[in-house]
Amino acid sequence: MRHSLLHRHYDGVITEESHITTPEVLELYQHFQNAYDSGISHLVMEVSSQALKVGRVRGMTFDVGAFLNIGTDHISPIEHPDFADYYASKLKLFDSCRVGCVNTDADHAADTVAHARSSGCELITFGSHASDTVFCERVEKRADGLYFTVRSPKYNGEFSITMPGLFNVSNALAAMAISMALGVPEEFVRSGLRKARANGRMQVYESRDKRVTVIVDYAHNRMSFDALYRSTRVEYPGKEMISVFGCPGSHALQRRRDLGELSGENCAFVYITEEDSGEEPFAQIAADIEKHVKCPHLVCEDRAECIRRAILDHPEPHVILLTGKGEETTMKRGREFVPFPSDVELTLKYLAEYDEKEAKA
C-alpha cells in the first residue's frame, strides 16, 4: 500500500483522489458498476500486494495481469512481515489472470515465470532477453524521445516514447505485452506510446536559462530511486543532482536506510523533508534517514522551503529530483490529510522566482 502515492479513480461517473492503491472491496465494485453503466469497455487498475494479501480482488478475473518488478519495499509491522510474505502476496496476481505478463529483467524473474506457468494462465514475457516474447534489443536517446527496437510475434521494428526516463522503456514493453494479449493493432500501440503521460511521473521543468532542471516524480523506494538516479546521470551529464525527499510515517521502514544511502551516493546535496509523516514525529523519520546520508544535506520539515532553496541556492547547473508526492494536493499529518500545495505547483512558483531573479541580475 502506497499512502504517499496519489491515485485518481475515473469510472465514468466520478473522478476522485485516493490515498490507497487499490480501493476496498465495496468501493471497488461500485467503480466497476459505474464503469459498466457508463459504457466503458476497458478498465486498467493497479493491484497492490496488500490488496492481493487481504483479498480485495478475490473472485475477480483479469483478462491480463502484468508483473513489473519486485524489491524489498513494503516490509513493516503494518504491511508485510518479511520478503517471503510480500513476494507470495504479489504472485497471487497470476491466480486471477487469463494472461500473465512478466518482466524478465526484474529480480526473481525465473521464479515469477515459473509461478505464472504453474498457475495455468497464458504467459507473455518482456525484457532484454532474446527468448522474451516481447524482446527489446536496442535503446537510443534522441532529442525528441527514447527510441527502442522490438521483436515480437505481433509488433516489430522501432518504437518510441516521449516520456523521460530510461526505465520507462521497460514500462513501454509491459504496455506492448498487454496490448498484444488484447489484440491491439500496431498503429494504436505506436501512437499511444508517443502520447503516454502520467501526472506526477517524470514531469520535467526548466528555468529559462536551462541551468536548473526539476524532475517531479513519485519515486519512493530503493528500486525507483536507483532507476531515477541512473537515468538522470545518463540523460543530464555534467549537471549535479540534488534530491528533495522524505519517508512516510510508520511503514516501509527499510526505505529510510535505502533512500538515505542512495541519495548520499549519488547527489551533491540532499534535502530531507516532510512526506506524509502521519502520527510519527517528523524528527524521528528524518533522524532515521539522515544517519545514512553521506553527502552535504539539510533537514527541514517545511517541504516548500526545501524546494525553494533547492532551486534558488545552488549556483552550479543542477538537476533537482523532487520525489514522493508528485501532484498530490494533501499531506498526511496525524490521522488527517490536510491541503498542501503539490510539488508541481511549488516547482512552478519557485522557478518563476528564479527566472525573475536572473532577469534582474
Protein backbone atom coordinates (compact mmCIF):
# COMPACT_ATOMS: atom_id res chain seq x y z
CA MET A 1 0.00 0.00 0.00
CA ARG A 2 1.48 3.36 -1.01
CA HIS A 3 -0.06 6.05 1.13
CA SER A 4 2.27 8.63 -0.38
CA LEU A 5 1.15 8.00 -3.94
CA LEU A 6 -1.84 9.79 -5.40
CA HIS A 7 -4.27 7.69 -7.40
CA ARG A 8 -7.06 9.20 -9.45
CA HIS A 9 -10.07 6.94 -9.93
CA TYR A 10 -12.20 7.57 -13.01
CA ASP A 11 -15.13 5.28 -13.64
CA GLY A 12 -17.39 7.29 -15.97
CA VAL A 13 -19.28 8.85 -13.09
CA ILE A 14 -16.71 10.24 -10.65
CA THR A 15 -13.10 11.36 -10.66
CA GLU A 16 -11.57 11.33 -7.21
CA GLU A 17 -8.29 11.18 -5.36
CA SER A 18 -7.50 8.06 -3.36
CA HIS A 19 -4.78 7.51 -0.79
CA ILE A 20 -4.57 3.75 -1.22
CA THR A 21 -3.51 1.94 -4.37
CA THR A 22 -6.42 -0.50 -4.65
CA PRO A 23 -9.81 0.52 -3.17
CA GLU A 24 -11.60 -1.59 -0.58
CA VAL A 25 -13.98 -4.22 -1.97
CA LEU A 26 -17.29 -2.34 -1.82
CA GLU A 27 -15.79 0.84 -3.26
CA LEU A 28 -14.04 -1.16 -5.98
CA TYR A 29 -17.25 -2.87 -7.09
CA GLN A 30 -19.02 0.50 -7.13
CA HIS A 31 -16.36 1.73 -9.57
CA PHE A 32 -16.95 -1.37 -11.71
CA GLN A 33 -20.71 -0.77 -11.73
CA ASN A 34 -20.28 2.90 -12.62
CA ALA A 35 -17.94 1.96 -15.48
CA TYR A 36 -20.35 -0.66 -16.80
CA ASP A 37 -23.33 1.71 -16.62
CA SER A 38 -21.27 4.38 -18.43
CA GLY A 39 -20.46 2.10 -21.34
CA ILE A 40 -16.74 1.91 -20.57
CA SER A 41 -15.32 -1.16 -22.32
CA HIS A 42 -11.88 -1.47 -20.68
CA LEU A 43 -10.62 -0.94 -17.13
CA VAL A 44 -6.99 -0.62 -16.04
CA MET A 45 -6.10 -0.77 -12.36
CA GLU A 46 -3.09 -1.24 -10.13
CA VAL A 47 -3.43 -4.16 -7.75
CA SER A 48 -1.25 -3.77 -4.67
CA SER A 49 0.38 -6.58 -2.73
CA GLN A 50 -1.81 -5.62 0.23
CA ALA A 51 -4.96 -5.90 -1.87
CA LEU A 52 -3.90 -9.37 -3.01
CA LYS A 53 -2.98 -10.40 0.52
CA VAL A 54 -6.25 -9.39 2.18
CA GLY A 55 -8.48 -10.46 -0.71
CA ARG A 56 -9.79 -7.16 -2.08
CA VAL A 57 -9.77 -8.64 -5.60
CA ARG A 58 -10.73 -12.20 -4.65
CA GLY A 59 -13.24 -13.62 -7.13
CA MET A 60 -12.24 -11.23 -9.92
CA THR A 61 -10.78 -12.47 -13.20
CA PHE A 62 -8.45 -10.17 -15.11
CA ASP A 63 -8.03 -10.61 -18.84
CA VAL A 64 -4.38 -9.61 -18.43
CA GLY A 65 -2.14 -9.08 -15.42
CA ALA A 66 1.39 -7.64 -15.57
CA PHE A 67 4.13 -8.29 -13.03
CA LEU A 68 6.59 -5.40 -13.38
CA ASN A 69 9.11 -5.86 -10.58
CA ILE A 70 9.78 -6.98 -7.01
CA GLY A 71 12.02 -5.35 -4.41
CA THR A 72 12.30 -5.19 -0.65
CA ASP A 73 9.78 -2.40 -0.10
CA HIS A 74 6.53 -2.57 1.89
CA ILE A 75 8.03 -4.67 4.67
CA SER A 76 6.98 -3.37 8.07
CA PRO A 77 4.82 -4.34 11.06
CA ILE A 78 1.70 -2.93 9.35
CA GLU A 79 2.36 -4.24 5.81
CA HIS A 80 4.29 -7.47 5.13
CA PRO A 81 6.32 -9.08 7.94
CA ASP A 82 9.07 -10.22 5.57
CA PHE A 83 10.04 -10.50 1.91
CA ALA A 84 8.60 -14.01 1.58
CA ASP A 85 5.15 -12.75 2.54
CA TYR A 86 5.47 -9.75 0.21
CA TYR A 87 6.54 -11.84 -2.78
CA ALA A 88 3.94 -14.55 -2.15
CA SER A 89 1.25 -11.88 -1.99
CA LYS A 90 2.30 -10.36 -5.31
CA LEU A 91 2.39 -13.77 -7.00
CA LYS A 92 -1.31 -14.24 -6.20
CA LEU A 93 -1.99 -11.94 -9.15
CA PHE A 94 -1.49 -14.84 -11.57
CA ASP A 95 -4.23 -16.87 -9.88
CA SER A 96 -6.72 -14.30 -11.19
CA CYS A 97 -5.40 -13.79 -14.75
CA ARG A 98 -6.18 -15.32 -18.11
CA VAL A 99 -2.86 -13.95 -19.44
CA GLY A 100 0.15 -13.12 -17.28
CA CYS A 101 2.90 -10.74 -18.48
CA VAL A 102 6.28 -10.92 -16.69
CA ASN A 103 9.29 -8.62 -16.83
CA THR A 104 12.31 -10.93 -17.17
CA ASP A 105 14.72 -8.12 -16.25
CA ALA A 106 13.25 -7.93 -12.73
CA ASP A 107 14.74 -9.65 -9.70
CA HIS A 108 13.50 -13.22 -9.12
CA ALA A 109 12.22 -13.34 -12.70
CA ALA A 110 12.78 -17.10 -13.11
CA ASP A 111 10.68 -17.85 -10.03
CA THR A 112 7.99 -15.41 -11.16
CA VAL A 113 7.82 -17.00 -14.62
CA ALA A 114 7.64 -20.48 -13.08
CA HIS A 115 4.78 -19.45 -10.80
CA ALA A 116 2.88 -17.81 -13.66
CA ARG A 117 3.20 -21.00 -15.70
CA SER A 118 2.07 -23.20 -12.80
CA SER A 119 -1.00 -21.03 -12.23
CA GLY A 120 -2.35 -22.05 -15.61
CA CYS A 121 -2.52 -18.64 -17.22
CA GLU A 122 -1.08 -17.93 -20.67
CA LEU A 123 2.41 -16.44 -20.33
CA ILE A 124 3.94 -13.46 -22.15
CA THR A 125 7.43 -12.34 -21.17
CA PHE A 126 9.03 -8.99 -21.95
CA GLY A 127 12.53 -7.61 -21.48
CA SER A 128 16.03 -7.56 -22.90
CA HIS A 129 16.49 -11.30 -23.44
CA ALA A 130 16.28 -12.77 -26.95
CA SER A 131 14.00 -15.50 -25.60
CA ASP A 132 11.38 -12.97 -24.43
CA THR A 133 8.04 -12.84 -26.20
CA VAL A 134 8.45 -9.05 -26.45
CA PHE A 135 12.19 -8.51 -26.86
CA CYS A 136 13.88 -5.09 -26.76
CA GLU A 137 17.34 -5.21 -28.31
CA ARG A 138 18.39 -1.55 -28.58
CA VAL A 139 17.62 1.73 -26.78
CA GLU A 140 18.72 5.16 -28.00
CA LYS A 141 18.06 8.60 -26.54
CA ARG A 142 17.33 11.29 -29.14
CA ALA A 143 16.24 14.90 -28.88
CA ASP A 144 12.55 14.05 -29.18
CA GLY A 145 12.42 10.94 -27.01
CA LEU A 146 13.65 7.41 -26.37
CA TYR A 147 13.76 5.02 -29.32
CA PHE A 148 13.93 1.25 -28.98
CA THR A 149 13.79 -1.74 -31.31
CA VAL A 150 11.31 -4.53 -30.57
CA ARG A 151 10.86 -8.05 -31.84
CA SER A 152 7.66 -9.93 -31.02
CA PRO A 153 5.00 -12.09 -32.70
CA LYS A 154 2.81 -9.01 -33.31
CA TYR A 155 4.88 -5.82 -33.11
CA ASN A 156 8.26 -5.36 -34.76
CA GLY A 157 10.62 -2.52 -35.58
CA GLU A 158 11.49 0.79 -33.94
CA PHE A 159 9.14 2.31 -31.39
CA SER A 160 9.48 5.44 -29.26
CA ILE A 161 8.24 7.22 -26.15
CA THR A 162 8.44 10.90 -25.32
CA MET A 163 8.18 10.41 -21.55
CA PRO A 164 11.65 10.89 -19.97
CA GLY A 165 13.43 8.17 -18.00
CA LEU A 166 15.30 5.22 -19.48
CA PHE A 167 13.38 2.90 -17.14
CA ASN A 168 10.17 3.87 -18.93
CA VAL A 169 11.26 1.70 -21.84
CA SER A 170 10.53 -1.28 -19.59
CA ASN A 171 7.10 0.17 -18.83
CA ALA A 172 6.53 0.60 -22.56
CA LEU A 173 7.39 -3.07 -23.12
CA ALA A 174 4.85 -4.02 -20.45
CA ALA A 175 2.21 -1.97 -22.25
CA MET A 176 3.12 -3.68 -25.51
CA ALA A 177 2.83 -7.13 -23.93
CA ILE A 178 -0.60 -6.26 -22.55
CA SER A 179 -1.66 -4.80 -25.90
CA MET A 180 -0.52 -7.96 -27.67
CA ALA A 181 -2.64 -10.08 -25.33
CA LEU A 182 -5.67 -7.87 -26.08
CA GLY A 183 -5.09 -7.77 -29.84
CA VAL A 184 -4.47 -4.03 -30.11
CA PRO A 185 -3.36 -3.05 -33.66
CA GLU A 186 0.24 -1.86 -34.00
CA GLU A 187 -0.73 1.62 -35.22
CA PHE A 188 -2.50 2.34 -31.95
CA VAL A 189 0.39 0.96 -29.92
CA ARG A 190 2.80 3.28 -31.73
CA SER A 191 0.65 6.39 -31.32
CA GLY A 192 -0.27 5.52 -27.74
CA LEU A 193 3.34 5.17 -26.65
CA ARG A 194 4.21 8.56 -28.16
CA LYS A 195 1.33 10.22 -26.32
CA ALA A 196 1.75 8.42 -23.00
CA ARG A 197 1.94 10.68 -19.96
CA ALA A 198 1.26 10.19 -16.26
CA ASN A 199 0.64 13.05 -13.87
CA GLY A 200 3.40 13.29 -11.28
CA ARG A 201 5.69 10.87 -13.09
CA MET A 202 8.86 12.18 -14.73
CA GLN A 203 7.45 15.67 -15.20
CA VAL A 204 10.37 17.90 -16.24
CA TYR A 205 10.53 21.66 -15.70
CA GLU A 206 13.40 24.03 -16.53
CA SER A 207 14.46 27.57 -15.79
CA ARG A 208 14.69 29.92 -18.76
CA ASP A 209 18.49 29.77 -18.75
CA LYS A 210 18.40 25.92 -18.64
CA ARG A 211 20.71 25.90 -15.61
CA VAL A 212 18.04 24.47 -13.30
CA THR A 213 16.07 21.35 -14.17
CA VAL A 214 13.42 19.96 -11.83
CA ILE A 215 12.09 16.43 -12.21
CA VAL A 216 8.89 15.73 -10.29
CA ASP A 217 8.36 12.01 -9.82
CA TYR A 218 6.60 9.58 -7.49
CA ALA A 219 9.80 7.58 -6.88
CA HIS A 220 9.51 6.43 -3.28
CA ASN A 221 11.57 3.27 -2.70
CA ARG A 222 15.01 1.82 -3.37
CA MET A 223 14.14 0.39 -6.77
CA SER A 224 12.56 3.56 -8.14
CA PHE A 225 15.26 5.83 -6.64
CA ASP A 226 18.04 3.71 -8.12
CA ALA A 227 16.39 3.76 -11.56
CA LEU A 228 15.82 7.52 -11.34
CA TYR A 229 19.42 8.28 -10.35
CA ARG A 230 20.90 6.05 -13.06
CA SER A 231 18.64 7.50 -15.74
CA THR A 232 19.27 11.11 -14.66
CA ARG A 233 23.04 10.63 -14.72
CA VAL A 234 22.84 9.44 -18.33
CA GLU A 235 20.26 11.97 -19.53
CA TYR A 236 21.76 15.04 -17.81
CA PRO A 237 25.55 14.63 -17.98
CA GLY A 238 27.55 17.39 -16.36
CA LYS A 239 24.76 18.51 -14.02
CA GLU A 240 24.88 17.97 -10.26
CA MET A 241 21.99 16.07 -8.73
CA ILE A 242 20.08 17.44 -5.75
CA SER A 243 17.41 15.36 -4.00
CA VAL A 244 14.39 16.57 -2.05
CA PHE A 245 12.55 13.72 -0.33
CA GLY A 246 11.23 12.23 2.87
CA CYS A 247 9.62 8.99 4.01
CA PRO A 248 6.08 8.27 5.23
CA GLY A 249 5.47 7.61 8.88
CA SER A 250 5.11 4.18 10.49
CA HIS A 251 5.62 1.88 7.50
CA ALA A 252 8.18 0.69 4.92
CA LEU A 253 10.88 1.42 7.49
CA GLN A 254 13.69 -0.02 5.34
CA ARG A 255 13.18 2.88 2.93
CA ARG A 256 14.82 5.27 5.35
CA ARG A 257 18.14 3.47 5.15
CA ASP A 258 17.82 2.71 1.43
CA LEU A 259 16.94 6.23 0.31
CA GLY A 260 19.46 7.81 2.65
CA GLU A 261 22.27 5.63 1.27
CA LEU A 262 21.31 6.05 -2.39
CA SER A 263 20.90 9.82 -2.15
CA GLY A 264 24.22 10.19 -0.38
CA GLU A 265 25.99 8.11 -3.01
CA ASN A 266 24.50 9.95 -5.99
CA CYS A 267 23.81 13.55 -5.02
CA ALA A 268 25.79 16.72 -4.43
CA PHE A 269 23.22 17.86 -1.86
CA VAL A 270 20.17 16.34 -0.16
CA TYR A 271 17.14 17.96 1.50
CA ILE A 272 15.33 15.68 3.96
CA THR A 273 11.78 16.91 4.41
CA GLU A 274 8.17 16.10 5.25
CA GLU A 275 6.40 13.39 3.28
CA ASP A 276 3.20 12.18 4.96
CA SER A 277 4.64 11.72 8.44
CA GLY A 278 1.22 10.82 9.81
CA GLU A 279 1.30 10.05 13.52
CA GLU A 280 5.06 9.52 13.69
CA PRO A 281 7.15 12.58 14.61
CA PHE A 282 8.98 14.05 11.62
CA ALA A 283 12.15 14.39 13.72
CA GLN A 284 12.30 10.61 14.17
CA ILE A 285 11.80 9.89 10.46
CA ALA A 286 14.42 12.48 9.50
CA ALA A 287 16.94 11.13 12.01
CA ASP A 288 16.49 7.61 10.62
CA ILE A 289 17.22 8.89 7.11
CA GLU A 290 19.97 11.37 7.98
CA LYS A 291 22.33 8.87 9.59
CA HIS A 292 22.67 7.14 6.20
CA VAL A 293 23.20 10.28 4.07
CA LYS A 294 26.93 10.63 3.38
CA CYS A 295 26.90 13.94 1.48
CA PRO A 296 26.11 17.58 2.35
CA HIS A 297 22.47 17.80 3.42
CA LEU A 298 19.83 19.74 5.31
CA VAL A 299 16.93 18.54 7.44
CA CYS A 300 13.94 20.88 7.10
CA GLU A 301 10.35 19.88 7.76
CA ASP A 302 8.99 22.70 5.57
CA ARG A 303 8.76 20.99 2.16
CA ALA A 304 8.01 24.22 0.31
CA GLU A 305 11.10 25.87 1.78
CA CYS A 306 13.26 22.90 0.76
CA ILE A 307 12.03 23.16 -2.83
CA ARG A 308 12.63 26.92 -2.85
CA ARG A 309 16.19 26.52 -1.56
CA ALA A 310 16.97 23.67 -3.94
CA ILE A 311 16.00 25.88 -6.89
CA LEU A 312 17.48 29.17 -5.69
CA ASP A 313 20.52 28.38 -3.51
CA HIS A 314 22.80 26.30 -5.74
CA PRO A 315 24.97 28.21 -8.26
CA GLU A 316 26.15 25.27 -10.37
CA PRO A 317 23.90 23.82 -13.13
CA HIS A 318 21.86 21.16 -11.40
CA VAL A 319 19.01 18.70 -11.65
CA ILE A 320 16.61 18.61 -8.72
CA LEU A 321 14.88 15.29 -8.10
CA LEU A 322 11.68 16.09 -6.28
CA THR A 323 10.22 12.75 -5.30
CA GLY A 324 7.42 11.01 -3.46
CA LYS A 325 4.47 13.41 -3.78
CA GLY A 326 4.03 14.26 -7.47
CA GLU A 327 0.76 16.11 -8.00
CA GLU A 328 -0.72 15.26 -4.60
CA THR A 329 -2.54 18.17 -3.05
CA THR A 330 -2.62 16.89 0.54
CA MET A 331 -0.14 16.00 3.29
CA LYS A 332 -0.86 13.36 5.93
CA ARG A 333 -0.44 14.85 9.39
CA GLY A 334 -1.71 12.82 12.31
CA ARG A 335 -4.69 10.87 11.03
CA GLU A 336 -5.81 13.56 8.59
CA PHE A 337 -4.88 14.51 5.04
CA VAL A 338 -4.63 18.30 5.08
CA PRO A 339 -4.49 20.57 2.00
CA PHE A 340 -0.95 21.20 0.77
CA PRO A 341 0.46 22.64 -2.49
CA SER A 342 1.60 19.98 -4.94
CA ASP A 343 5.26 19.60 -5.84
CA VAL A 344 4.37 20.72 -9.35
CA GLU A 345 2.74 23.91 -8.07
CA LEU A 346 5.71 24.71 -5.83
CA THR A 347 8.18 23.98 -8.61
CA LEU A 348 6.47 26.40 -10.99
CA LYS A 349 6.28 29.06 -8.28
CA TYR A 350 9.97 28.96 -7.38
CA LEU A 351 11.23 28.56 -10.95
CA ALA A 352 9.34 31.77 -11.74
CA GLU A 353 11.09 33.41 -8.78
CA TYR A 354 14.45 32.13 -10.06
CA ASP A 355 13.78 33.43 -13.58
CA GLU A 356 12.78 36.84 -12.25
CA LYS A 357 15.91 36.99 -10.09
CA GLU A 358 18.17 36.05 -13.02
CA ALA A 359 16.49 38.59 -15.31
CA LYS A 360 17.37 41.35 -12.86
CA ALA A 361 20.97 40.20 -12.37
